[in-house]
All heavy atoms as atom14 arrays in JSON, in Angstrom:
{
  "sequence": "EGLVTRTADPEDRRSSLVTSSEAGRTLIEATRTRKDAWLAS",
  "atom14_mask": [
    [1, 1, 1, 1, 1, 1, 1, 1, 1, 0, 0, 0, 0, 0],
    [1, 1, 1, 1, 0, 0, 0, 0, 0, 0, 0, 0, 0, 0],
    [1, 1, 1, 1, 1, 1, 1, 1, 0, 0, 0, 0, 0, 0],
    [1, 1, 1, 1, 1, 1, 1, 0, 0, 0, 0, 0, 0, 0],
    [1, 1, 1, 1, 1, 1, 1, 0, 0, 0, 0, 0, 0, 0],
    [1, 1, 1, 1, 1, 1, 1, 1, 1, 1, 1, 0, 0, 0],
    [1, 1, 1, 1, 1, 1, 1, 0, 0, 0, 0, 0, 0, 0],
    [1, 1, 1, 1, 1, 0, 0, 0, 0, 0, 0, 0, 0, 0],
    [1, 1, 1, 1, 1, 1, 1, 1, 0, 0, 0, 0, 0, 0],
    [1, 1, 1, 1, 1, 1, 1, 0, 0, 0, 0, 0, 0, 0],
    [1, 1, 1, 1, 1, 1, 1, 1, 1, 0, 0, 0, 0, 0],
    [1, 1, 1, 1, 1, 1, 1, 1, 0, 0, 0, 0, 0, 0],
    [1, 1, 1, 1, 1, 1, 1, 1, 1, 1, 1, 0, 0, 0],
    [1, 1, 1, 1, 1, 1, 1, 1, 1, 1, 1, 0, 0, 0],
    [1, 1, 1, 1, 1, 1, 0, 0, 0, 0, 0, 0, 0, 0],
    [1, 1, 1, 1, 1, 1, 0, 0, 0, 0, 0, 0, 0, 0],
    [1, 1, 1, 1, 1, 1, 1, 1, 0, 0, 0, 0, 0, 0],
    [1, 1, 1, 1, 1, 1, 1, 0, 0, 0, 0, 0, 0, 0],
    [1, 1, 1, 1, 1, 1, 1, 0, 0, 0, 0, 0, 0, 0],
    [1, 1, 1, 1, 1, 1, 0, 0, 0, 0, 0, 0, 0, 0],
    [1, 1, 1, 1, 1, 1, 0, 0, 0, 0, 0, 0, 0, 0],
    [1, 1, 1, 1, 1, 1, 1, 1, 1, 0, 0, 0, 0, 0],
    [1, 1, 1, 1, 1, 0, 0, 0, 0, 0, 0, 0, 0, 0],
    [1, 1, 1, 1, 0, 0, 0, 0, 0, 0, 0, 0, 0, 0],
    [1, 1, 1, 1, 1, 1, 1, 1, 1, 1, 1, 0, 0, 0],
    [1, 1, 1, 1, 1, 1, 1, 0, 0, 0, 0, 0, 0, 0],
    [1, 1, 1, 1, 1, 1, 1, 1, 0, 0, 0, 0, 0, 0],
    [1, 1, 1, 1, 1, 1, 1, 1, 0, 0, 0, 0, 0, 0],
    [1, 1, 1, 1, 1, 1, 1, 1, 1, 0, 0, 0, 0, 0],
    [1, 1, 1, 1, 1, 0, 0, 0, 0, 0, 0, 0, 0, 0],
    [1, 1, 1, 1, 1, 1, 1, 0, 0, 0, 0, 0, 0, 0],
    [1, 1, 1, 1, 1, 1, 1, 1, 1, 1, 1, 0, 0, 0],
    [1, 1, 1, 1, 1, 1, 1, 0, 0, 0, 0, 0, 0, 0],
    [1, 1, 1, 1, 1, 1, 1, 1, 1, 1, 1, 0, 0, 0],
    [1, 1, 1, 1, 1, 1, 1, 1, 1, 0, 0, 0, 0, 0],
    [1, 1, 1, 1, 1, 1, 1, 1, 0, 0, 0, 0, 0, 0],
    [1, 1, 1, 1, 1, 0, 0, 0, 0, 0, 0, 0, 0, 0],
    [1, 1, 1, 1, 1, 1, 1, 1, 1, 1, 1, 1, 1, 1],
    [1, 1, 1, 1, 1, 1, 1, 1, 0, 0, 0, 0, 0, 0],
    [1, 1, 1, 1, 1, 0, 0, 0, 0, 0, 0, 0, 0, 0],
    [1, 1, 1, 1, 1, 1, 0, 0, 0, 0, 0, 0, 0, 0]
  ],
  "atom14_positions": [
    [[8.93, -6.7, -0.23], [9.34, -5.46, -0.9], [9.17, -4.23, 0.0], [9.49, -3.12, -0.39], [8.52, -5.26, -2.18], [8.72, -6.32, -3.23], [10.08, -6.23, -3.9], [10.58, -5.1, -4.07], [10.63, -7.29, -4.24], [0.0, 0.0, 0.0], [0.0, 0.0, 0.0], [0.0, 0.0, 0.0], [0.0, 0.0, 0.0], [0.0, 0.0, 0.0]],
    [[8.62, -4.44, 1.2], [8.41, -3.34, 2.13], [7.22, -2.47, 1.79], [7.12, -1.32, 2.25], [0.0, 0.0, 0.0], [0.0, 0.0, 0.0], [0.0, 0.0, 0.0], [0.0, 0.0, 0.0], [0.0, 0.0, 0.0], [0.0, 0.0, 0.0], [0.0, 0.0, 0.0], [0.0, 0.0, 0.0], [0.0, 0.0, 0.0], [0.0, 0.0, 0.0]],
    [[6.28, -3.0, 1.0], [5.15, -2.2, 0.53], [3.91, -2.34, 1.4], [3.01, -1.5, 1.35], [4.82, -2.56, -0.92], [5.98, -2.33, -1.89], [5.64, -2.89, -3.27], [6.35, -0.87, -1.97], [0.0, 0.0, 0.0], [0.0, 0.0, 0.0], [0.0, 0.0, 0.0], [0.0, 0.0, 0.0], [0.0, 0.0, 0.0], [0.0, 0.0, 0.0]],
    [[3.84, -3.42, 2.19], [2.76, -3.61, 3.15], [3.36, -4.06, 4.47], [4.48, -4.55, 4.52], [1.7, -4.65, 2.69], [1.0, -4.21, 1.42], [2.29, -6.03, 2.56], [0.0, 0.0, 0.0], [0.0, 0.0, 0.0], [0.0, 0.0, 0.0], [0.0, 0.0, 0.0], [0.0, 0.0, 0.0], [0.0, 0.0, 0.0], [0.0, 0.0, 0.0]],
    [[2.58, -3.89, 5.51], [2.97, -4.42, 6.82], [1.86, -5.34, 7.29], [0.69, -5.14, 6.98], [3.18, -3.29, 7.86], [1.97, -2.54, 7.97], [4.32, -2.38, 7.44], [0.0, 0.0, 0.0], [0.0, 0.0, 0.0], [0.0, 0.0, 0.0], [0.0, 0.0, 0.0], [0.0, 0.0, 0.0], [0.0, 0.0, 0.0], [0.0, 0.0, 0.0]],
    [[2.29, -6.35, 8.05], [1.34, -7.28, 8.67], [1.48, -7.14, 10.17], [2.59, -7.13, 10.7], [1.66, -8.72, 8.29], [1.02, -9.17, 7.02], [0.98, -10.66, 6.96], [2.0, -11.17, 6.06], [1.96, -12.38, 5.53], [0.99, -13.21, 5.83], [2.89, -12.77, 4.73], [0.0, 0.0, 0.0], [0.0, 0.0, 0.0], [0.0, 0.0, 0.0]],
    [[0.36, -7.02, 10.84], [0.34, -6.97, 12.3], [-0.68, -7.97, 12.8], [-1.61, -8.34, 12.07], [-0.03, -5.56, 12.81], [-1.3, -5.2, 12.26], [1.01, -4.53, 12.42], [0.0, 0.0, 0.0], [0.0, 0.0, 0.0], [0.0, 0.0, 0.0], [0.0, 0.0, 0.0], [0.0, 0.0, 0.0], [0.0, 0.0, 0.0], [0.0, 0.0, 0.0]],
    [[-0.5, -8.41, 14.02], [-1.45, -9.35, 14.6], [-2.81, -8.68, 14.76], [-2.89, -7.51, 15.16], [-0.94, -9.85, 15.95], [0.0, 0.0, 0.0], [0.0, 0.0, 0.0], [0.0, 0.0, 0.0], [0.0, 0.0, 0.0], [0.0, 0.0, 0.0], [0.0, 0.0, 0.0], [0.0, 0.0, 0.0], [0.0, 0.0, 0.0], [0.0, 0.0, 0.0]],
    [[-3.86, -9.42, 14.45], [-5.22, -8.93, 14.63], [-5.52, -8.95, 16.13], [-5.48, -10.0, 16.75], [-6.19, -9.84, 13.88], [-7.63, -9.35, 13.92], [-7.96, -8.52, 14.79], [-8.42, -9.82, 13.07], [0.0, 0.0, 0.0], [0.0, 0.0, 0.0], [0.0, 0.0, 0.0], [0.0, 0.0, 0.0], [0.0, 0.0, 0.0], [0.0, 0.0, 0.0]],
    [[-5.82, -7.79, 16.72], [-6.06, -7.77, 18.17], [-7.29, -8.58, 18.58], [-7.38, -9.02, 19.72], [-6.25, -6.29, 18.48], [-6.48, -5.61, 17.19], [-5.92, -6.48, 16.12], [0.0, 0.0, 0.0], [0.0, 0.0, 0.0], [0.0, 0.0, 0.0], [0.0, 0.0, 0.0], [0.0, 0.0, 0.0], [0.0, 0.0, 0.0], [0.0, 0.0, 0.0]],
    [[-8.21, -8.81, 17.66], [-9.41, -9.59, 17.97], [-9.2, -11.09, 17.79], [-9.93, -11.89, 18.36], [-10.58, -9.11, 17.11], [-10.99, -7.68, 17.42], [-12.12, -7.2, 16.53], [-12.81, -8.04, 15.94], [-12.3, -5.98, 16.45], [0.0, 0.0, 0.0], [0.0, 0.0, 0.0], [0.0, 0.0, 0.0], [0.0, 0.0, 0.0], [0.0, 0.0, 0.0]],
    [[-8.22, -11.46, 16.97], [-7.92, -12.87, 16.72], [-6.42, -12.99, 16.45], [-5.98, -12.78, 15.33], [-8.74, -13.39, 15.54], [-8.49, -14.85, 15.24], [-7.65, -15.5, 15.92], [-9.14, -15.38, 14.31], [0.0, 0.0, 0.0], [0.0, 0.0, 0.0], [0.0, 0.0, 0.0], [0.0, 0.0, 0.0], [0.0, 0.0, 0.0], [0.0, 0.0, 0.0]],
    [[-5.66, -13.29, 17.46], [-4.19, -13.3, 17.36], [-3.7, -14.32, 16.33], [-2.53, -14.28, 15.94], [-3.56, -13.58, 18.72], [-4.01, -12.67, 19.84], [-3.49, -11.31, 19.93], [-2.11, -11.06, 20.2], [-1.56, -9.91, 19.86], [-2.26, -9.0, 19.24], [-0.31, -9.68, 20.14], [0.0, 0.0, 0.0], [0.0, 0.0, 0.0], [0.0, 0.0, 0.0]],
    [[-4.55, -15.24, 15.89], [-4.14, -16.21, 14.86], [-4.14, -15.56, 13.48], [-3.53, -16.09, 12.55], [-5.07, -17.42, 14.86], [-5.02, -18.22, 16.16], [-6.14, -19.23, 16.2], [-7.41, -18.5, 16.22], [-8.58, -19.0, 15.91], [-8.69, -20.26, 15.55], [-9.68, -18.27, 15.97], [0.0, 0.0, 0.0], [0.0, 0.0, 0.0], [0.0, 0.0, 0.0]],
    [[-4.82, -14.46, 13.33], [-4.91, -13.75, 12.05], [-4.0, -12.54, 12.06], [-3.62, -12.04, 13.11], [-6.34, -13.25, 11.81], [-7.17, -14.28, 11.41], [0.0, 0.0, 0.0], [0.0, 0.0, 0.0], [0.0, 0.0, 0.0], [0.0, 0.0, 0.0], [0.0, 0.0, 0.0], [0.0, 0.0, 0.0], [0.0, 0.0, 0.0], [0.0, 0.0, 0.0]],
    [[-3.7, -12.08, 10.87], [-2.93, -10.84, 10.76], [-3.7, -9.84, 9.92], [-4.56, -10.2, 9.12], [-1.54, -11.11, 10.15], [-1.66, -11.69, 8.88], [0.0, 0.0, 0.0], [0.0, 0.0, 0.0], [0.0, 0.0, 0.0], [0.0, 0.0, 0.0], [0.0, 0.0, 0.0], [0.0, 0.0, 0.0], [0.0, 0.0, 0.0], [0.0, 0.0, 0.0]],
    [[-3.38, -8.58, 10.14], [-3.98, -7.48, 9.4], [-2.93, -6.9, 8.46], [-1.77, -6.74, 8.84], [-4.49, -6.4, 10.36], [-5.59, -6.85, 11.32], [-5.89, -5.73, 12.32], [-6.86, -7.22, 10.55], [0.0, 0.0, 0.0], [0.0, 0.0, 0.0], [0.0, 0.0, 0.0], [0.0, 0.0, 0.0], [0.0, 0.0, 0.0], [0.0, 0.0, 0.0]],
    [[-3.36, -6.58, 7.27], [-2.47, -6.04, 6.24], [-2.85, -4.6, 5.96], [-4.03, -4.27, 5.81], [-2.58, -6.87, 4.94], [-1.69, -6.28, 3.85], [-2.25, -8.32, 5.19], [0.0, 0.0, 0.0], [0.0, 0.0, 0.0], [0.0, 0.0, 0.0], [0.0, 0.0, 0.0], [0.0, 0.0, 0.0], [0.0, 0.0, 0.0], [0.0, 0.0, 0.0]],
    [[-1.84, -3.75, 5.89], [-2.05, -2.35, 5.5], [-0.86, -1.91, 4.67], [0.22, -2.51, 4.74], [-2.26, -1.44, 6.73], [-2.68, -0.16, 6.28], [-1.0, -1.3, 7.55], [0.0, 0.0, 0.0], [0.0, 0.0, 0.0], [0.0, 0.0, 0.0], [0.0, 0.0, 0.0], [0.0, 0.0, 0.0], [0.0, 0.0, 0.0], [0.0, 0.0, 0.0]],
    [[-1.02, -0.88, 3.88], [0.09, -0.4, 3.07], [1.08, 0.35, 3.95], [0.69, 1.0, 4.93], [-0.41, 0.49, 1.93], [-1.05, 1.63, 2.45], [0.0, 0.0, 0.0], [0.0, 0.0, 0.0], [0.0, 0.0, 0.0], [0.0, 0.0, 0.0], [0.0, 0.0, 0.0], [0.0, 0.0, 0.0], [0.0, 0.0, 0.0], [0.0, 0.0, 0.0]],
    [[2.34, 0.25, 3.6], [3.38, 0.99, 4.31], [3.55, 2.35, 3.64], [2.95, 2.64, 2.6], [4.7, 0.22, 4.23], [5.16, 0.18, 2.89], [0.0, 0.0, 0.0], [0.0, 0.0, 0.0], [0.0, 0.0, 0.0], [0.0, 0.0, 0.0], [0.0, 0.0, 0.0], [0.0, 0.0, 0.0], [0.0, 0.0, 0.0], [0.0, 0.0, 0.0]],
    [[4.4, 3.16, 4.22], [4.7, 4.47, 3.6], [5.26, 4.26, 2.2], [4.89, 4.97, 1.26], [5.67, 5.26, 4.48], [5.93, 6.66, 3.98], [4.68, 7.54, 3.94], [3.82, 7.41, 4.84], [4.55, 8.35, 3.0], [0.0, 0.0, 0.0], [0.0, 0.0, 0.0], [0.0, 0.0, 0.0], [0.0, 0.0, 0.0], [0.0, 0.0, 0.0]],
    [[6.15, 3.28, 2.04], [6.71, 2.98, 0.71], [5.62, 2.53, -0.25], [5.63, 2.89, -1.44], [7.8, 1.91, 0.82], [0.0, 0.0, 0.0], [0.0, 0.0, 0.0], [0.0, 0.0, 0.0], [0.0, 0.0, 0.0], [0.0, 0.0, 0.0], [0.0, 0.0, 0.0], [0.0, 0.0, 0.0], [0.0, 0.0, 0.0], [0.0, 0.0, 0.0]],
    [[4.67, 1.76, 0.25], [3.55, 1.32, -0.59], [2.69, 2.47, -1.03], [2.3, 2.56, -2.2], [0.0, 0.0, 0.0], [0.0, 0.0, 0.0], [0.0, 0.0, 0.0], [0.0, 0.0, 0.0], [0.0, 0.0, 0.0], [0.0, 0.0, 0.0], [0.0, 0.0, 0.0], [0.0, 0.0, 0.0], [0.0, 0.0, 0.0], [0.0, 0.0, 0.0]],
    [[2.39, 3.38, -0.1], [1.58, 4.55, -0.45], [2.32, 5.43, -1.46], [1.71, 5.96, -2.4], [1.22, 5.34, 0.8], [0.16, 4.64, 1.65], [-0.32, 5.49, 2.81], [0.69, 5.66, 3.85], [0.98, 4.75, 4.78], [0.35, 3.6, 4.82], [1.91, 5.0, 5.69], [0.0, 0.0, 0.0], [0.0, 0.0, 0.0], [0.0, 0.0, 0.0]],
    [[3.61, 5.57, -1.29], [4.42, 6.37, -2.23], [4.39, 5.74, -3.62], [4.23, 6.45, -4.63], [5.87, 6.49, -1.72], [5.86, 7.14, -0.45], [6.74, 7.26, -2.69], [0.0, 0.0, 0.0], [0.0, 0.0, 0.0], [0.0, 0.0, 0.0], [0.0, 0.0, 0.0], [0.0, 0.0, 0.0], [0.0, 0.0, 0.0], [0.0, 0.0, 0.0]],
    [[4.51, 4.41, -3.68], [4.48, 3.72, -4.97], [3.11, 3.88, -5.65], [3.04, 4.15, -6.85], [4.79, 2.23, -4.79], [4.76, 1.4, -6.07], [5.92, 1.77, -6.98], [4.79, -0.07, -5.74], [0.0, 0.0, 0.0], [0.0, 0.0, 0.0], [0.0, 0.0, 0.0], [0.0, 0.0, 0.0], [0.0, 0.0, 0.0], [0.0, 0.0, 0.0]],
    [[2.05, 3.73, -4.88], [0.7, 3.9, -5.44], [0.54, 5.31, -6.01], [0.04, 5.49, -7.12], [-0.37, 3.61, -4.37], [-0.39, 2.12, -4.01], [-1.75, 4.05, -4.84], [-1.18, 1.82, -2.76], [0.0, 0.0, 0.0], [0.0, 0.0, 0.0], [0.0, 0.0, 0.0], [0.0, 0.0, 0.0], [0.0, 0.0, 0.0], [0.0, 0.0, 0.0]],
    [[0.94, 6.3, -5.24], [0.79, 7.69, -5.7], [1.62, 7.94, -6.96], [1.15, 8.6, -7.89], [1.18, 8.66, -4.58], [0.92, 10.11, -4.93], [-0.52, 10.41, -5.32], [-1.45, 9.82, -4.73], [-0.73, 11.23, -6.25], [0.0, 0.0, 0.0], [0.0, 0.0, 0.0], [0.0, 0.0, 0.0], [0.0, 0.0, 0.0], [0.0, 0.0, 0.0]],
    [[2.85, 7.44, -7.0], [3.69, 7.62, -8.18], [3.08, 6.94, -9.4], [3.09, 7.49, -10.51], [5.1, 7.08, -7.92], [0.0, 0.0, 0.0], [0.0, 0.0, 0.0], [0.0, 0.0, 0.0], [0.0, 0.0, 0.0], [0.0, 0.0, 0.0], [0.0, 0.0, 0.0], [0.0, 0.0, 0.0], [0.0, 0.0, 0.0], [0.0, 0.0, 0.0]],
    [[2.52, 5.77, -9.2], [1.88, 5.04, -10.29], [0.66, 5.8, -10.81], [0.48, 5.96, -12.02], [1.48, 3.62, -9.82], [2.65, 2.93, -9.41], [0.79, 2.84, -10.91], [0.0, 0.0, 0.0], [0.0, 0.0, 0.0], [0.0, 0.0, 0.0], [0.0, 0.0, 0.0], [0.0, 0.0, 0.0], [0.0, 0.0, 0.0], [0.0, 0.0, 0.0]],
    [[-0.16, 6.29, -9.89], [-1.34, 7.06, -10.3], [-0.92, 8.33, -11.04], [-1.55, 8.71, -12.03], [-2.18, 7.41, -9.08], [-2.93, 6.23, -8.52], [-3.73, 6.6, -7.3], [-4.41, 5.42, -6.77], [-4.7, 5.23, -5.5], [-4.4, 6.16, -4.6], [-5.31, 4.14, -5.11], [0.0, 0.0, 0.0], [0.0, 0.0, 0.0], [0.0, 0.0, 0.0]],
    [[0.11, 8.99, -10.55], [0.58, 10.22, -11.19], [1.04, 9.94, -12.62], [0.72, 10.69, -13.54], [1.72, 10.85, -10.36], [1.2, 11.18, -9.06], [2.28, 12.09, -11.02], [0.0, 0.0, 0.0], [0.0, 0.0, 0.0], [0.0, 0.0, 0.0], [0.0, 0.0, 0.0], [0.0, 0.0, 0.0], [0.0, 0.0, 0.0], [0.0, 0.0, 0.0]],
    [[1.81, 8.84, -12.81], [2.27, 8.49, -14.16], [1.09, 8.2, -15.08], [1.05, 8.67, -16.23], [3.16, 7.25, -14.11], [4.64, 7.52, -14.15], [5.48, 6.28, -14.36], [5.16, 5.17, -13.47], [5.55, 5.07, -12.21], [6.27, 6.04, -11.66], [5.24, 4.01, -11.49], [0.0, 0.0, 0.0], [0.0, 0.0, 0.0], [0.0, 0.0, 0.0]],
    [[0.12, 7.43, -14.6], [-1.04, 7.09, -15.42], [-1.86, 8.33, -15.75], [-2.3, 8.51, -16.9], [-1.91, 6.06, -14.7], [-1.27, 4.68, -14.61], [-2.16, 3.74, -13.83], [-1.58, 2.36, -13.73], [-2.48, 1.42, -13.03], [0.0, 0.0, 0.0], [0.0, 0.0, 0.0], [0.0, 0.0, 0.0], [0.0, 0.0, 0.0], [0.0, 0.0, 0.0]],
    [[-2.06, 9.2, -14.77], [-2.82, 10.43, -15.01], [-2.1, 11.33, -16.01], [-2.74, 11.94, -16.87], [-3.07, 11.19, -13.7], [-4.1, 10.52, -12.81], [-4.77, 9.56, -13.26], [-4.24, 10.97, -11.65], [0.0, 0.0, 0.0], [0.0, 0.0, 0.0], [0.0, 0.0, 0.0], [0.0, 0.0, 0.0], [0.0, 0.0, 0.0], [0.0, 0.0, 0.0]],
    [[-0.78, 11.41, -15.9], [-0.01, 12.25, -16.83], [-0.13, 11.7, -18.25], [-0.29, 12.47, -19.22], [1.45, 12.31, -16.4], [0.0, 0.0, 0.0], [0.0, 0.0, 0.0], [0.0, 0.0, 0.0], [0.0, 0.0, 0.0], [0.0, 0.0, 0.0], [0.0, 0.0, 0.0], [0.0, 0.0, 0.0], [0.0, 0.0, 0.0], [0.0, 0.0, 0.0]],
    [[-0.05, 10.38, -18.39], [-0.19, 9.78, -19.72], [-1.57, 10.08, -20.29], [-1.69, 10.5, -21.45], [0.05, 8.26, -19.64], [-0.09, 7.6, -20.97], [0.85, 7.51, -21.95], [-1.26, 6.95, -21.48], [0.34, 6.84, -23.04], [-0.95, 6.49, -22.77], [-2.52, 6.7, -20.96], [-1.87, 5.8, -23.56], [-3.44, 6.02, -21.75], [-3.11, 5.58, -23.03]],
    [[-2.6, 9.88, -19.47], [-3.96, 10.17, -19.94], [-4.14, 11.64, -20.28], [-4.74, 11.99, -21.3], [-4.98, 9.77, -18.87], [-5.54, 8.37, -18.93], [-6.46, 8.12, -17.73], [-6.28, 8.1, -20.21], [0.0, 0.0, 0.0], [0.0, 0.0, 0.0], [0.0, 0.0, 0.0], [0.0, 0.0, 0.0], [0.0, 0.0, 0.0], [0.0, 0.0, 0.0]],
    [[-3.62, 12.52, -19.44], [-3.75, 13.96, -19.68], [-3.09, 14.35, -20.99], [-3.64, 15.16, -21.75], [-3.14, 14.75, -18.52], [0.0, 0.0, 0.0], [0.0, 0.0, 0.0], [0.0, 0.0, 0.0], [0.0, 0.0, 0.0], [0.0, 0.0, 0.0], [0.0, 0.0, 0.0], [0.0, 0.0, 0.0], [0.0, 0.0, 0.0], [0.0, 0.0, 0.0]],
    [[-1.95, 13.76, -21.3], [-1.29, 14.08, -22.57], [-2.11, 13.58, -23.75], [-2.17, 14.25, -24.79], [0.13, 13.51, -22.62], [0.1, 12.11, -22.75], [0.0, 0.0, 0.0], [0.0, 0.0, 0.0], [0.0, 0.0, 0.0], [0.0, 0.0, 0.0], [0.0, 0.0, 0.0], [0.0, 0.0, 0.0], [0.0, 0.0, 0.0], [0.0, 0.0, 0.0]]
  ]
}
């Protein structure tokens, strides 16, 4: 879905590291905003 990226772990090339992408961060923020707005109302 383009929400996380995987990169090779520089300490162990057999493993990968996962981090959120810009699209993932945008989705998280939008989700939090919707939930906060619902709670605030």
